[in-house]
Every structure is written in C-alpha cells, then in structure tokens.
C-alpha cells in the first residue's frame, strides 16, 4: 500500500462492492472499480509512474459517477488511500459531502449491487414480487 487512511473517520466501513462505473472530475474520466456507502474505488491512470494523478488528502469538488444509467453527484470527495490491488493502482475516495437526493440514489444502487451478490436476497426478492 502506498498510503492508507490516516484517521478513523477516513475508514470505509461498509462492504466495498466491485462494480464498473465511470468517475467524472472536471475533464477527467476515470474507471470506477468499487462502490461502498462511504466512498469509491477509482483506477489510477498513472500506473507505474512516480507521479500519481491525485495527491493524498486532496479534495475533489463537483464530481459525479455514471452507473447503470444513473448519474450520482458528489459535492466533495477526499483522496484517503492509494493501494495496489490485482496489479493496478486504486484510489480510495471518501464522500465528504453529498446532497440528500444523491445519497438516496447512491444507497439504492449500492443496495441493488449488494443484493446481486447475495443469493438469499435474490430469492427473497423473487418471492416478495410474486
């Protein structure tokens, strides 16, 4: 790991779900790798270089992701982690500020992705929708 969380408030507590999405920060469009309730995992495009795309503790404002046909906006994210995972560098971004309606969309997408991973959830959904 190149750097990790520095304080308890930076930790991502919920399960990170591996799912593809696009991450938009100004003109930059990066590949999203994982999603959790508190943050995102985003591919670092400078793999192998000594200069990385974002700095530790850097704050990113007015970003959004596109996932499953939805756009979810974030007022402010912070870079809390840079690690190597399966041969690629991944930034951990923690949500610092998000509007309530965007939080609801994020929560719905997260729960949907979590349900896709849980066979019992899929069975329950099929039974309850009958």
C-alpha atoms as a PDB file:
ATOM      1  CA  UNK A   1       0.000   0.000   0.000  1.00  0.00           C
ATOM      2  CA  UNK A   2       1.332   3.429  -0.903  1.00  0.00           C
ATOM      3  CA  UNK A   3      -0.751   5.231   1.641  1.00  0.00           C
ATOM      4  CA  UNK A   4      -3.785   4.384   3.662  1.00  0.00           C
ATOM      5  CA  UNK A   5      -6.382   6.010   5.815  1.00  0.00           C
ATOM      6  CA  UNK A   6      -4.981   8.306   8.472  1.00  0.00           C
ATOM      7  CA  UNK A   7      -7.911   8.550  10.860  1.00  0.00           C
ATOM      8  CA  UNK A   8     -10.926   6.535  11.867  1.00  0.00           C
ATOM      9  CA  UNK A   9     -13.250   8.956  10.051  1.00  0.00           C
ATOM     10  CA  UNK A  10     -11.463   8.127   6.770  1.00  0.00           C
ATOM     11  CA  UNK A  11     -12.204   4.419   7.020  1.00  0.00           C
ATOM     12  CA  UNK A  12     -14.681   2.795   4.672  1.00  0.00           C
ATOM     13  CA  UNK A  13     -16.794   0.638   6.966  1.00  0.00           C
ATOM     14  CA  UNK A  14     -19.369  -0.802   4.567  1.00  0.00           C
ATOM     15  CA  UNK A  15     -18.530  -3.623   2.186  1.00  0.00           C
ATOM     16  CA  UNK A  16     -16.836  -2.389  -0.981  1.00  0.00           C
ATOM     17  CA  UNK A  17     -18.597  -3.941  -3.977  1.00  0.00           C
ATOM     18  CA  UNK A  18     -16.546  -4.480  -7.098  1.00  0.00           C
ATOM     19  CA  UNK A  19     -18.572  -2.939  -9.935  1.00  0.00           C
ATOM     20  CA  UNK A  20     -17.671  -0.902 -13.026  1.00  0.00           C
ATOM     21  CA  UNK A  21     -18.706   2.750 -13.388  1.00  0.00           C
ATOM     22  CA  UNK A  22     -17.252   5.938 -14.802  1.00  0.00           C
ATOM     23  CA  UNK A  23     -15.923   8.639 -12.489  1.00  0.00           C
ATOM     24  CA  UNK A  24     -16.029  12.233 -13.747  1.00  0.00           C
ATOM     25  CA  UNK A  25     -13.933  15.018 -12.234  1.00  0.00           C
ATOM     26  CA  UNK A  26     -13.861  18.070 -14.493  1.00  0.00           C
ATOM     27  CA  UNK A  27     -12.444  16.899 -17.825  1.00  0.00           C
ATOM     28  CA  UNK A  28     -11.064  13.680 -16.313  1.00  0.00           C
ATOM     29  CA  UNK A  29     -12.995  10.462 -16.780  1.00  0.00           C
ATOM     30  CA  UNK A  30     -11.584   7.535 -14.818  1.00  0.00           C
ATOM     31  CA  UNK A  31     -12.675   3.929 -14.430  1.00  0.00           C
ATOM     32  CA  UNK A  32     -14.529   3.196 -11.238  1.00  0.00           C
ATOM     33  CA  UNK A  33     -13.687  -0.124  -9.585  1.00  0.00           C
ATOM     34  CA  UNK A  34     -15.665  -0.365  -6.334  1.00  0.00           C
ATOM     35  CA  UNK A  35     -18.552   1.249  -4.541  1.00  0.00           C
ATOM     36  CA  UNK A  36     -19.420   1.499  -0.840  1.00  0.00           C
ATOM     37  CA  UNK A  37     -21.774   3.629   1.257  1.00  0.00           C
ATOM     38  CA  UNK A  38     -18.952   5.948   2.318  1.00  0.00           C
ATOM     39  CA  UNK A  39     -16.833   6.103  -0.799  1.00  0.00           C
ATOM     40  CA  UNK A  40     -15.493   4.878  -4.110  1.00  0.00           C
ATOM     41  CA  UNK A  41     -12.545   2.964  -5.503  1.00  0.00           C
ATOM     42  CA  UNK A  42     -11.205   4.555  -8.697  1.00  0.00           C
ATOM     43  CA  UNK A  43      -8.468   3.351 -11.061  1.00  0.00           C
ATOM     44  CA  UNK A  44      -5.264   5.398 -11.012  1.00  0.00           C
ATOM     45  CA  UNK A  45      -4.292   6.024 -14.659  1.00  0.00           C
ATOM     46  CA  UNK A  46      -0.599   6.659 -13.847  1.00  0.00           C
ATOM     47  CA  UNK A  47       0.233   3.021 -13.133  1.00  0.00           C
ATOM     48  CA  UNK A  48       3.961   2.534 -12.872  1.00  0.00           C
ATOM     49  CA  UNK A  49       4.740   6.267 -12.804  1.00  0.00           C
ATOM     50  CA  UNK A  50       6.222   8.070  -9.839  1.00  0.00           C
ATOM     51  CA  UNK A  51       3.798  10.981 -10.241  1.00  0.00           C
ATOM     52  CA  UNK A  52       0.250   9.966  -9.400  1.00  0.00           C
ATOM     53  CA  UNK A  53      -2.983  11.506 -10.601  1.00  0.00           C
ATOM     54  CA  UNK A  54      -4.220  12.768  -7.191  1.00  0.00           C
ATOM     55  CA  UNK A  55      -2.397  13.747  -4.003  1.00  0.00           C
ATOM     56  CA  UNK A  56      -3.005  12.358  -0.551  1.00  0.00           C
ATOM     57  CA  UNK A  57      -5.828  14.187   1.279  1.00  0.00           C
ATOM     58  CA  UNK A  58      -6.668  16.113  -1.917  1.00  0.00           C
ATOM     59  CA  UNK A  59     -10.285  17.280  -2.039  1.00  0.00           C
ATOM     60  CA  UNK A  60     -12.214  16.804  -5.258  1.00  0.00           C
ATOM     61  CA  UNK A  61     -15.241  19.033  -5.782  1.00  0.00           C
ATOM     62  CA  UNK A  62     -18.291  18.682  -8.025  1.00  0.00           C
ATOM     63  CA  UNK A  63     -17.647  15.129  -9.211  1.00  0.00           C
ATOM     64  CA  UNK A  64     -20.087  12.522 -10.420  1.00  0.00           C
ATOM     65  CA  UNK A  65     -20.290   8.873 -11.355  1.00  0.00           C
ATOM     66  CA  UNK A  66     -22.346   7.172 -14.019  1.00  0.00           C
ATOM     67  CA  UNK A  67     -23.526   3.698 -13.119  1.00  0.00           C
ATOM     68  CA  UNK A  68     -26.362   1.590 -14.518  1.00  0.00           C
ATOM     69  CA  UNK A  69     -27.845   4.538 -16.414  1.00  0.00           C
ATOM     70  CA  UNK A  70     -27.822   6.823 -13.355  1.00  0.00           C
ATOM     71  CA  UNK A  71     -25.728   9.876 -12.639  1.00  0.00           C
ATOM     72  CA  UNK A  72     -24.866  10.474  -8.986  1.00  0.00           C
ATOM     73  CA  UNK A  73     -23.311  13.816  -7.995  1.00  0.00           C
ATOM     74  CA  UNK A  74     -20.900  14.423  -5.124  1.00  0.00           C
ATOM     75  CA  UNK A  75     -20.288  17.899  -3.719  1.00  0.00           C
ATOM     76  CA  UNK A  76     -16.921  16.882  -2.282  1.00  0.00           C
ATOM     77  CA  UNK A  77     -14.740  13.762  -2.102  1.00  0.00           C
ATOM     78  CA  UNK A  78     -11.336  13.292  -0.486  1.00  0.00           C
ATOM     79  CA  UNK A  79      -8.479  11.026  -1.507  1.00  0.00           C
ATOM     80  CA  UNK A  80      -7.820   8.841   1.544  1.00  0.00           C
ATOM     81  CA  UNK A  81      -5.997   5.848   0.123  1.00  0.00           C
ATOM     82  CA  UNK A  82      -3.801   4.663  -2.728  1.00  0.00           C
ATOM     83  CA  UNK A  83      -3.159   0.950  -2.914  1.00  0.00           C
ATOM     84  CA  UNK A  84      -2.130  -1.705  -5.369  1.00  0.00           C
ATOM     85  CA  UNK A  85      -4.819  -4.298  -5.980  1.00  0.00           C
ATOM     86  CA  UNK A  86      -4.527  -7.112  -8.517  1.00  0.00           C
ATOM     87  CA  UNK A  87      -1.709  -5.354 -10.343  1.00  0.00           C
ATOM     88  CA  UNK A  88      -3.332  -1.928 -10.647  1.00  0.00           C
ATOM     89  CA  UNK A  89      -3.347   1.194  -8.507  1.00  0.00           C
ATOM     90  CA  UNK A  90      -6.663   2.171  -6.934  1.00  0.00           C
ATOM     91  CA  UNK A  91      -7.555   5.431  -5.213  1.00  0.00           C
ATOM     92  CA  UNK A  92      -9.894   5.276  -2.233  1.00  0.00           C
ATOM     93  CA  UNK A  93     -12.160   8.319  -2.287  1.00  0.00           C
ATOM     94  CA  UNK A  94     -14.274   9.138   0.766  1.00  0.00           C
ATOM     95  CA  UNK A  95     -17.508  11.074   0.431  1.00  0.00           C
ATOM     96  CA  UNK A  96     -17.282  14.323   2.401  1.00  0.00           C
ATOM     97  CA  UNK A  97     -20.421  15.997   1.095  1.00  0.00           C
ATOM     98  CA  UNK A  98     -23.403  14.771  -0.928  1.00  0.00           C
ATOM     99  CA  UNK A  99     -26.925  16.140  -1.359  1.00  0.00           C
ATOM    100  CA  UNK A 100     -29.717  14.078   0.245  1.00  0.00           C
ATOM    101  CA  UNK A 101     -31.358  13.117  -3.067  1.00  0.00           C
ATOM    102  CA  UNK A 102     -27.993  11.980  -4.447  1.00  0.00           C
ATOM    103  CA  UNK A 103     -27.355   9.994  -1.249  1.00  0.00           C
ATOM    104  CA  UNK A 104     -30.679   8.219  -1.815  1.00  0.00           C
ATOM    105  CA  UNK A 105     -29.652   7.288  -5.367  1.00  0.00           C
ATOM    106  CA  UNK A 106     -26.260   6.053  -4.157  1.00  0.00           C
ATOM    107  CA  UNK A 107     -27.895   3.993  -1.421  1.00  0.00           C
ATOM    108  CA  UNK A 108     -30.356   2.437  -3.913  1.00  0.00           C
ATOM    109  CA  UNK A 109     -27.561   1.493  -6.335  1.00  0.00           C
ATOM    110  CA  UNK A 110     -25.416   0.146  -3.504  1.00  0.00           C
ATOM    111  CA  UNK A 111     -28.268  -1.973  -2.114  1.00  0.00           C
ATOM    112  CA  UNK A 112     -29.042  -3.273  -5.614  1.00  0.00           C
ATOM    113  CA  UNK A 113     -25.404  -4.295  -6.166  1.00  0.00           C
ATOM    114  CA  UNK A 114     -25.242  -5.856  -2.713  1.00  0.00           C
ATOM    115  CA  UNK A 115     -28.396  -7.826  -3.464  1.00  0.00           C
ATOM    116  CA  UNK A 116     -26.876  -9.109  -6.739  1.00  0.00           C
ATOM    117  CA  UNK A 117     -24.097 -10.697  -4.686  1.00  0.00           C
ATOM    118  CA  UNK A 118     -26.420 -12.297  -2.142  1.00  0.00           C
ATOM    119  CA  UNK A 119     -28.335 -15.360  -3.367  1.00  0.00           C
ATOM    120  CA  UNK A 120     -30.709 -15.202  -0.393  1.00  0.00           C
ATOM    121  CA  UNK A 121     -31.574 -11.606  -1.281  1.00  0.00           C
ATOM    122  CA  UNK A 122     -32.353 -12.638  -4.875  1.00  0.00           C
ATOM    123  CA  UNK A 123     -34.602 -15.451  -3.656  1.00  0.00           C
ATOM    124  CA  UNK A 124     -36.411 -13.140  -1.249  1.00  0.00           C
ATOM    125  CA  UNK A 125     -36.896 -10.502  -3.982  1.00  0.00           C
ATOM    126  CA  UNK A 126     -38.356 -13.120  -6.343  1.00  0.00           C
ATOM    127  CA  UNK A 127     -40.732 -14.393  -3.647  1.00  0.00           C
ATOM    128  CA  UNK A 128     -41.840 -10.945  -2.483  1.00  0.00           C
ATOM    129  CA  UNK A 129     -42.513  -9.695  -6.039  1.00  0.00           C
ATOM    130  CA  UNK A 130     -44.766 -12.704  -6.824  1.00  0.00           C
END
